[in-house]
N, C-alpha and C. Protein backbone atom coordinates (compact mmCIF):
# COMPACT_ATOMS: atom_id res chain seq x y z
N UNK A 1 -7.06 -16.81 23.12
CA UNK A 1 -7.47 -15.41 22.57
C UNK A 1 -6.69 -14.98 21.47
N UNK A 2 -7.15 -14.62 20.56
CA UNK A 2 -6.95 -13.97 19.11
C UNK A 2 -6.51 -12.58 18.89
N UNK A 3 -5.32 -12.59 18.44
CA UNK A 3 -4.75 -11.14 18.09
C UNK A 3 -4.41 -10.68 16.58
N UNK A 4 -5.18 -9.83 16.07
CA UNK A 4 -4.87 -9.44 14.75
C UNK A 4 -3.59 -9.40 14.02
N UNK A 5 -3.72 -9.51 12.99
CA UNK A 5 -2.31 -9.26 12.19
C UNK A 5 -1.93 -8.02 12.36
N UNK A 6 -0.64 -7.79 12.57
CA UNK A 6 -0.03 -6.30 12.37
C UNK A 6 0.11 -5.78 11.01
N UNK A 7 -0.42 -4.44 10.71
CA UNK A 7 -0.47 -3.78 9.36
C UNK A 7 0.82 -3.00 9.26
N UNK A 8 1.20 -3.21 7.95
CA UNK A 8 2.68 -2.21 7.80
C UNK A 8 2.07 -1.58 6.66
N UNK A 9 2.70 -0.27 6.64
CA UNK A 9 2.96 0.20 5.15
C UNK A 9 3.54 -0.61 3.78
N UNK A 10 2.88 -0.74 2.52
CA UNK A 10 3.09 -1.58 1.65
C UNK A 10 4.53 -1.85 1.70
N UNK A 11 5.26 -0.49 1.42
CA UNK A 11 6.79 -0.73 1.05
C UNK A 11 7.62 -1.65 2.30
N UNK A 12 6.86 -1.29 3.51
CA UNK A 12 7.57 -2.17 4.70
C UNK A 12 6.79 -3.66 4.61
N UNK A 13 5.84 -4.20 4.06
CA UNK A 13 5.43 -5.32 4.13
C UNK A 13 6.22 -5.57 3.00
N UNK A 14 6.59 -5.39 2.15
CA UNK A 14 7.61 -5.91 0.97
C UNK A 14 8.41 -6.28 1.26
N UNK A 15 9.37 -5.45 1.98
CA UNK A 15 10.60 -5.56 2.43
C UNK A 15 10.49 -6.83 3.59
N UNK A 16 9.61 -7.05 4.45
CA UNK A 16 9.79 -8.26 5.29
C UNK A 16 9.19 -9.39 4.33
N UNK A 17 8.61 -9.22 3.44
CA UNK A 17 8.50 -10.25 2.41
C UNK A 17 9.43 -10.74 1.53
N UNK A 18 10.27 -10.03 1.41
CA UNK A 18 11.68 -9.92 0.48
C UNK A 18 12.49 -10.52 1.51
N UNK A 19 12.60 -10.56 2.38
CA UNK A 19 13.40 -11.53 3.79
C UNK A 19 12.94 -12.50 3.95
N UNK A 20 11.94 -12.82 3.87
CA UNK A 20 11.30 -14.02 3.80
C UNK A 20 10.20 -14.50 5.17
N UNK A 21 10.27 -13.30 5.82
CA UNK A 21 9.41 -13.52 7.19
C UNK A 21 7.93 -14.21 6.60
N UNK A 22 7.63 -15.17 7.51
CA UNK A 22 6.09 -15.92 6.88
C UNK A 22 4.87 -14.71 7.55
N UNK A 23 3.89 -14.65 6.82
CA UNK A 23 2.94 -13.73 7.00
C UNK A 23 2.02 -14.36 8.24
N UNK A 24 2.31 -15.33 8.70
CA UNK A 24 1.32 -16.18 9.73
C UNK A 24 1.82 -15.98 11.20
N UNK A 25 2.93 -14.97 11.37
CA UNK A 25 3.45 -15.22 13.00
C UNK A 25 4.03 -16.60 13.44
N UNK A 26 3.91 -16.73 14.89
CA UNK A 26 4.34 -17.86 15.03
C UNK A 26 5.53 -18.47 15.19
N UNK A 27 6.48 -17.56 15.01
CA UNK A 27 7.82 -17.71 14.74
C UNK A 27 8.12 -18.39 15.98
N UNK A 28 9.61 -19.69 15.09
CA UNK A 28 9.70 -20.78 16.10
C UNK A 28 11.04 -20.51 16.77
N UNK A 29 11.43 -18.93 16.78
CA UNK A 29 12.86 -18.79 16.95
C UNK A 29 12.52 -17.31 16.67
N UNK A 30 11.78 -16.61 17.57
CA UNK A 30 11.55 -15.27 17.14
C UNK A 30 13.10 -13.91 17.79
N UNK A 31 13.91 -14.37 18.59
CA UNK A 31 14.91 -13.54 18.93
C UNK A 31 15.72 -14.11 17.81
N UNK A 32 16.34 -15.03 17.03
CA UNK A 32 17.13 -15.14 16.08
C UNK A 32 16.59 -14.58 14.73
N UNK A 33 15.15 -14.48 14.85
CA UNK A 33 14.78 -13.87 13.56
C UNK A 33 15.03 -12.65 13.45
N UNK A 34 14.30 -11.94 14.62
CA UNK A 34 15.02 -10.29 14.91
C UNK A 34 16.46 -10.17 14.81
N UNK A 35 17.07 -10.98 15.13
CA UNK A 35 18.76 -10.67 15.34
C UNK A 35 19.24 -10.86 13.70
N UNK A 36 18.81 -11.73 13.07
CA UNK A 36 19.04 -11.78 11.48
C UNK A 36 18.05 -10.40 10.72
N UNK A 37 17.25 -9.99 11.12
CA UNK A 37 16.60 -8.65 10.30
C UNK A 37 17.42 -7.75 10.72
N UNK A 38 18.00 -7.71 12.33
CA UNK A 38 18.62 -6.23 12.31
C UNK A 38 20.02 -6.53 11.69
N UNK A 39 20.67 -7.29 11.93
CA UNK A 39 21.70 -7.33 11.11
C UNK A 39 21.69 -7.18 9.72
N UNK A 40 20.91 -7.56 8.85
CA UNK A 40 20.69 -7.29 7.32
C UNK A 40 20.54 -5.86 7.31
N UNK A 41 19.87 -5.38 8.33
CA UNK A 41 19.33 -3.85 7.94
C UNK A 41 20.51 -3.03 8.68
N UNK A 42 21.20 -3.56 9.58
CA UNK A 42 22.38 -2.67 9.99
C UNK A 42 23.68 -2.65 8.71
N UNK A 43 23.40 -3.68 7.49
CA UNK A 43 24.32 -3.63 6.28
C UNK A 43 24.02 -2.86 5.19
N UNK A 44 22.57 -2.78 5.12
CA UNK A 44 22.01 -1.92 4.08
C UNK A 44 21.66 -0.80 4.52
N UNK A 45 22.44 0.47 4.20
CA UNK A 45 22.50 1.85 4.44
C UNK A 45 21.15 2.47 4.74
N UNK A 46 20.44 2.12 3.15
CA UNK A 46 19.13 3.06 3.69
C UNK A 46 18.17 2.23 3.27
N UNK A 47 18.06 1.32 4.12
CA UNK A 47 17.01 0.50 4.13
C UNK A 47 15.88 0.57 5.12
N UNK A 48 14.48 0.24 4.25
CA UNK A 48 13.09 1.23 4.52
C UNK A 48 13.21 0.12 6.38
N UNK A 49 13.29 -0.95 6.55
CA UNK A 49 13.36 -1.51 7.77
C UNK A 49 13.92 -0.94 8.76
N UNK A 50 15.54 -1.06 8.67
CA UNK A 50 16.18 -0.52 9.56
C UNK A 50 15.81 1.06 9.76
N UNK A 51 15.26 2.07 8.88
CA UNK A 51 14.69 3.33 9.00
C UNK A 51 13.36 3.18 10.15
N UNK A 52 12.65 2.04 9.91
CA UNK A 52 11.62 1.58 10.65
C UNK A 52 11.88 1.56 11.96
N UNK A 53 12.94 0.76 12.35
CA UNK A 53 12.95 0.34 13.83
C UNK A 53 14.12 1.17 14.71
N UNK A 54 15.03 1.68 13.67
CA UNK A 54 15.95 2.44 14.38
C UNK A 54 15.90 3.38 15.39
N UNK A 55 16.03 3.27 16.73
CA UNK A 55 15.53 4.24 17.84
C UNK A 55 14.35 4.24 17.91
N UNK A 56 13.41 3.85 17.51
CA UNK A 56 12.06 3.59 17.96
C UNK A 56 11.19 2.12 18.30
N UNK A 57 11.29 2.77 19.64
CA UNK A 57 10.81 1.14 20.78
C UNK A 57 9.35 0.86 20.04
N UNK A 58 8.51 1.82 19.66
CA UNK A 58 7.00 1.37 19.49
C UNK A 58 7.25 0.54 18.09
N UNK A 59 7.68 0.60 17.25
CA UNK A 59 7.96 0.21 16.06
C UNK A 59 8.77 -1.32 16.23
N UNK A 60 9.47 -1.27 16.93
CA UNK A 60 10.70 -2.35 17.60
C UNK A 60 9.51 -3.24 17.74
N UNK A 61 8.48 -2.97 19.01
CA UNK A 61 7.52 -3.67 19.69
C UNK A 61 6.36 -4.15 18.58
N UNK A 62 6.39 -3.27 17.51
CA UNK A 62 5.33 -3.74 16.49
C UNK A 62 5.83 -5.07 15.41
N UNK A 63 7.24 -5.10 15.46
CA UNK A 63 7.84 -5.95 14.74
C UNK A 63 7.83 -7.22 15.29
N UNK A 64 8.27 -7.42 16.66
CA UNK A 64 7.83 -8.10 17.49
C UNK A 64 6.37 -9.11 17.51
N UNK A 65 5.47 -8.31 17.81
CA UNK A 65 4.38 -8.50 17.52
C UNK A 65 3.69 -9.16 16.63
N UNK A 66 4.42 -8.40 15.29
CA UNK A 66 4.61 -9.26 13.87
C UNK A 66 4.94 -10.69 13.58
N UNK A 67 5.87 -10.69 14.54
CA UNK A 67 6.80 -11.89 14.61
C UNK A 67 5.57 -13.09 15.01
N UNK A 68 5.10 -12.79 16.26
CA UNK A 68 4.06 -13.68 17.13
C UNK A 68 3.01 -13.55 16.48
N UNK A 69 2.13 -12.61 16.12
CA UNK A 69 1.15 -12.77 15.83
C UNK A 69 0.63 -12.81 14.09
N UNK A 70 1.80 -12.78 13.44
CA UNK A 70 1.42 -12.06 11.80
C UNK A 70 1.38 -11.10 11.19
N UNK A 71 1.43 -10.43 10.24
CA UNK A 71 1.29 -9.31 9.44
C UNK A 71 1.01 -9.30 7.92
N UNK A 72 0.43 -8.37 8.00
CA UNK A 72 -0.13 -7.99 6.45
C UNK A 72 0.05 -6.63 6.10
N UNK A 73 -0.32 -6.58 4.70
CA UNK A 73 -0.10 -4.90 4.27
C UNK A 73 -1.46 -4.26 4.31
N UNK A 74 -1.11 -2.93 4.59
CA UNK A 74 -2.18 -1.95 5.40
C UNK A 74 -3.15 -1.92 3.57
N UNK A 75 -4.10 -1.64 3.71
CA UNK A 75 -4.74 -1.59 2.26
C UNK A 75 -4.29 0.54 2.01
N UNK A 76 -4.19 0.35 0.56
CA UNK A 76 -3.95 1.66 0.16
C UNK A 76 -5.16 2.09 -0.18
N UNK A 77 -5.58 3.41 -0.03
CA UNK A 77 -6.63 4.14 -0.65
C UNK A 77 -6.98 4.13 -1.90
N UNK A 78 -7.93 3.88 -2.46
CA UNK A 78 -7.79 4.25 -3.58
C UNK A 78 -8.57 5.43 -4.30
N UNK A 79 -8.75 5.89 -5.26
CA UNK A 79 -9.52 7.10 -6.08
C UNK A 79 -10.09 7.01 -7.12
N UNK A 80 -11.00 7.68 -7.55
CA UNK A 80 -11.22 7.85 -8.80
C UNK A 80 -10.73 9.41 -9.22
N UNK A 81 -9.99 9.57 -10.68
CA UNK A 81 -9.94 10.89 -11.13
C UNK A 81 -11.01 11.68 -11.71
N UNK A 82 -11.67 12.42 -11.10
CA UNK A 82 -12.85 13.11 -11.28
C UNK A 82 -12.50 14.55 -11.97
N UNK A 83 -12.91 15.17 -13.24
CA UNK A 83 -12.35 16.39 -13.82
C UNK A 83 -13.46 17.27 -13.48
N UNK A 84 -14.92 16.73 -13.35
CA UNK A 84 -16.15 17.82 -13.65
C UNK A 84 -16.87 17.02 -12.71
N UNK A 85 -17.51 18.08 -11.82
CA UNK A 85 -18.41 17.54 -10.87
C UNK A 85 -19.43 16.98 -11.68
N UNK A 86 -20.81 16.34 -10.96
CA UNK A 86 -22.03 16.55 -11.34
C UNK A 86 -21.85 15.96 -13.14
N UNK A 87 -20.64 15.30 -13.65
CA UNK A 87 -20.65 14.96 -14.78
C UNK A 87 -20.14 13.52 -14.51
N UNK A 88 -21.03 12.29 -15.22
CA UNK A 88 -20.94 11.12 -15.09
C UNK A 88 -19.85 10.34 -15.96
N UNK A 89 -19.37 11.25 -16.80
CA UNK A 89 -18.49 10.86 -18.16
C UNK A 89 -17.43 11.97 -17.87
N UNK A 90 -16.87 12.16 -17.01
CA UNK A 90 -15.51 12.82 -16.32
C UNK A 90 -14.49 12.28 -15.59
N UNK A 91 -14.61 10.81 -15.73
CA UNK A 91 -13.28 10.40 -14.89
C UNK A 91 -11.96 9.88 -15.88
N UNK A 92 -10.78 9.60 -15.07
CA UNK A 92 -9.72 9.40 -15.70
C UNK A 92 -10.13 7.51 -16.34
N UNK A 93 -9.67 7.21 -17.36
CA UNK A 93 -9.62 5.64 -17.48
C UNK A 93 -8.49 5.46 -17.93
N UNK A 94 -8.14 4.46 -17.74
CA UNK A 94 -6.44 3.91 -18.45
C UNK A 94 -6.90 2.45 -18.93
N UNK A 95 -6.35 2.15 -19.96
CA UNK A 95 -6.09 1.32 -20.84
C UNK A 95 -5.17 0.69 -21.37
N UNK A 96 -4.54 -0.67 -21.73
CA UNK A 96 -3.38 -0.89 -22.55
C UNK A 96 -3.87 -0.46 -24.03
N UNK A 97 -4.35 -0.86 -24.42
CA UNK A 97 -5.06 -0.17 -25.70
C UNK A 97 -5.31 1.00 -25.75
N UNK A 98 -5.74 2.02 -25.39
CA UNK A 98 -6.23 3.15 -25.85
C UNK A 98 -5.36 4.05 -24.78
N UNK A 99 -4.94 3.91 -23.71
CA UNK A 99 -4.16 4.50 -22.73
C UNK A 99 -4.83 5.35 -22.06
N UNK A 100 -5.18 6.89 -21.92
CA UNK A 100 -5.71 7.66 -20.87
C UNK A 100 -6.51 8.09 -21.74
N UNK A 101 -7.86 8.17 -21.47
CA UNK A 101 -8.98 9.02 -21.76
C UNK A 101 -10.27 9.18 -20.92
N UNK A 102 -10.94 10.07 -21.04
CA UNK A 102 -12.15 10.47 -20.12
C UNK A 102 -13.41 10.01 -20.68
N UNK A 103 -13.88 9.06 -19.26
CA UNK A 103 -15.06 8.49 -19.35
C UNK A 103 -15.93 8.45 -18.49
N UNK A 104 -16.85 7.23 -18.21
CA UNK A 104 -17.38 7.27 -17.27
C UNK A 104 -16.55 6.33 -16.16
N UNK A 105 -16.85 6.13 -14.80
CA UNK A 105 -16.60 5.02 -14.09
C UNK A 105 -16.20 3.55 -13.67
N UNK A 106 -16.77 3.47 -14.73
CA UNK A 106 -17.27 1.68 -14.80
C UNK A 106 -15.88 1.19 -15.12
N UNK A 107 -15.50 0.45 -13.89
CA UNK A 107 -14.32 -0.37 -14.19
C UNK A 107 -14.29 -1.89 -15.04
N UNK A 108 -13.44 -2.32 -16.10
CA UNK A 108 -14.02 -3.97 -16.65
C UNK A 108 -12.72 -4.28 -16.62
N UNK A 109 -12.64 -5.32 -17.27
CA UNK A 109 -11.26 -6.11 -17.25
C UNK A 109 -10.21 -5.21 -18.20
N UNK A 110 -10.79 -4.50 -19.01
CA UNK A 110 -9.46 -3.99 -20.06
C UNK A 110 -9.55 -2.40 -19.32
N UNK A 111 -10.46 -2.06 -18.60
CA UNK A 111 -10.24 -0.64 -18.34
C UNK A 111 -10.28 -0.36 -16.78
N UNK A 112 -9.13 0.48 -16.33
CA UNK A 112 -8.94 0.81 -15.32
C UNK A 112 -9.44 2.34 -14.90
N UNK A 113 -10.61 2.42 -13.73
CA UNK A 113 -10.66 3.97 -13.44
C UNK A 113 -10.52 3.94 -11.97
N UNK A 114 -9.89 2.95 -10.97
CA UNK A 114 -9.21 3.33 -9.27
C UNK A 114 -7.86 3.27 -9.64
N UNK A 115 -7.68 4.03 -8.74
CA UNK A 115 -6.25 4.12 -8.92
C UNK A 115 -5.30 4.50 -7.44
N UNK A 116 -4.48 4.21 -7.08
CA UNK A 116 -3.72 4.56 -5.79
C UNK A 116 -2.89 5.77 -6.24
N UNK A 117 -3.01 6.73 -4.88
CA UNK A 117 -2.07 8.01 -5.06
C UNK A 117 -0.85 8.21 -5.66
N UNK A 118 0.19 6.89 -5.36
CA UNK A 118 1.11 6.90 -6.16
C UNK A 118 1.07 6.46 -7.96
N UNK A 119 -0.09 5.85 -7.86
CA UNK A 119 -0.44 5.71 -9.53
C UNK A 119 -0.82 7.29 -10.07
N UNK A 120 -1.82 7.99 -9.57
CA UNK A 120 -2.25 9.12 -10.02
C UNK A 120 -0.85 9.81 -9.65
N UNK A 121 0.09 10.00 -9.20
CA UNK A 121 1.27 11.04 -9.45
C UNK A 121 2.05 10.78 -10.49
N UNK A 122 2.36 9.41 -10.41
CA UNK A 122 2.90 8.85 -11.64
C UNK A 122 2.44 9.25 -13.02
N UNK A 123 0.95 9.46 -13.24
CA UNK A 123 0.58 9.76 -14.46
C UNK A 123 0.56 11.18 -14.57
N UNK A 124 0.41 12.09 -13.69
CA UNK A 124 0.48 13.33 -13.85
C UNK A 124 0.31 13.83 -12.32
N UNK A 125 1.05 14.56 -11.84
CA UNK A 125 0.95 14.82 -10.38
C UNK A 125 0.08 16.34 -10.20
N UNK A 126 0.00 16.93 -11.24
CA UNK A 126 -1.74 18.12 -11.13
C UNK A 126 -2.71 17.17 -11.19
N UNK A 127 -2.78 15.81 -11.20
CA UNK A 127 -4.05 15.09 -11.28
C UNK A 127 -4.71 14.65 -10.01
N UNK A 128 -3.68 15.17 -9.09
CA UNK A 128 -4.21 14.72 -7.36
C UNK A 128 -5.10 15.69 -6.74
N UNK A 129 -5.02 17.03 -7.55
CA UNK A 129 -6.17 17.62 -6.78
C UNK A 129 -7.67 17.31 -7.75
N UNK A 130 -7.63 16.14 -8.65
CA UNK A 130 -8.86 15.82 -8.94
C UNK A 130 -9.56 14.21 -8.48
N UNK A 131 -8.40 14.07 -7.38
CA UNK A 131 -8.76 12.66 -6.79
C UNK A 131 -9.92 12.57 -5.69
N UNK A 132 -10.65 11.62 -5.83
CA UNK A 132 -12.10 11.53 -5.13
C UNK A 132 -11.90 9.98 -4.96
N UNK A 133 -12.03 10.05 -2.75
CA UNK A 133 -11.95 8.59 -2.68
C UNK A 133 -13.36 7.83 -3.37
N UNK A 134 -13.07 6.50 -3.60
CA UNK A 134 -13.78 5.73 -4.87
C UNK A 134 -15.55 5.86 -3.83
N UNK A 135 -15.26 5.37 -2.45
CA UNK A 135 -16.75 5.63 -1.76
C UNK A 135 -17.24 6.60 -2.19
N UNK A 136 -16.87 8.30 -2.08
CA UNK A 136 -17.35 9.63 -2.46
C UNK A 136 -17.69 9.53 -4.23
N UNK A 137 -16.91 8.79 -4.80
CA UNK A 137 -16.83 9.22 -6.09
C UNK A 137 -17.97 8.60 -7.18
N UNK A 138 -19.09 8.03 -6.68
CA UNK A 138 -20.05 7.34 -7.39
C UNK A 138 -20.81 8.42 -8.45
N UNK A 139 -20.96 7.68 -9.35
CA UNK A 139 -21.31 8.67 -10.74
C UNK A 139 -22.73 9.26 -10.15
N UNK A 140 -22.53 9.71 -11.05
CA UNK A 140 -24.42 10.68 -10.77
C UNK A 140 -25.23 10.01 -11.55
N UNK A 141 -26.74 9.74 -11.53
CA UNK A 141 -27.55 8.99 -12.41
C UNK A 141 -27.53 10.56 -12.90
């Protein structure tokens, strides 16, 4: 009977990776692993992991399932930043060479047109208002 891997937010996934927890589950000594994780989290005052499990039985079971069945990062939603509706050349583009510009939403090896929300907020928090989920933001022909 197969079980799906447990999905964790990216920050939590990264913390488990940093700890060295294998993604495939089937932990050979789960109680020892959980105990080790718990001890480490208690030592780190502002631990992402500690906050996740502290006093939350559902999250503790989720961690146990991750040890048993494996875990993976949740996929973050991605967005276009579209400044003008019904205009196929009004999308935010980012490239190493040219920086930010407005153009179409065709992504290439050198031009990025799809962004996660943290990336958008890092560029300019005001751009959040123009974020469109990628599946809804196809360029108009």
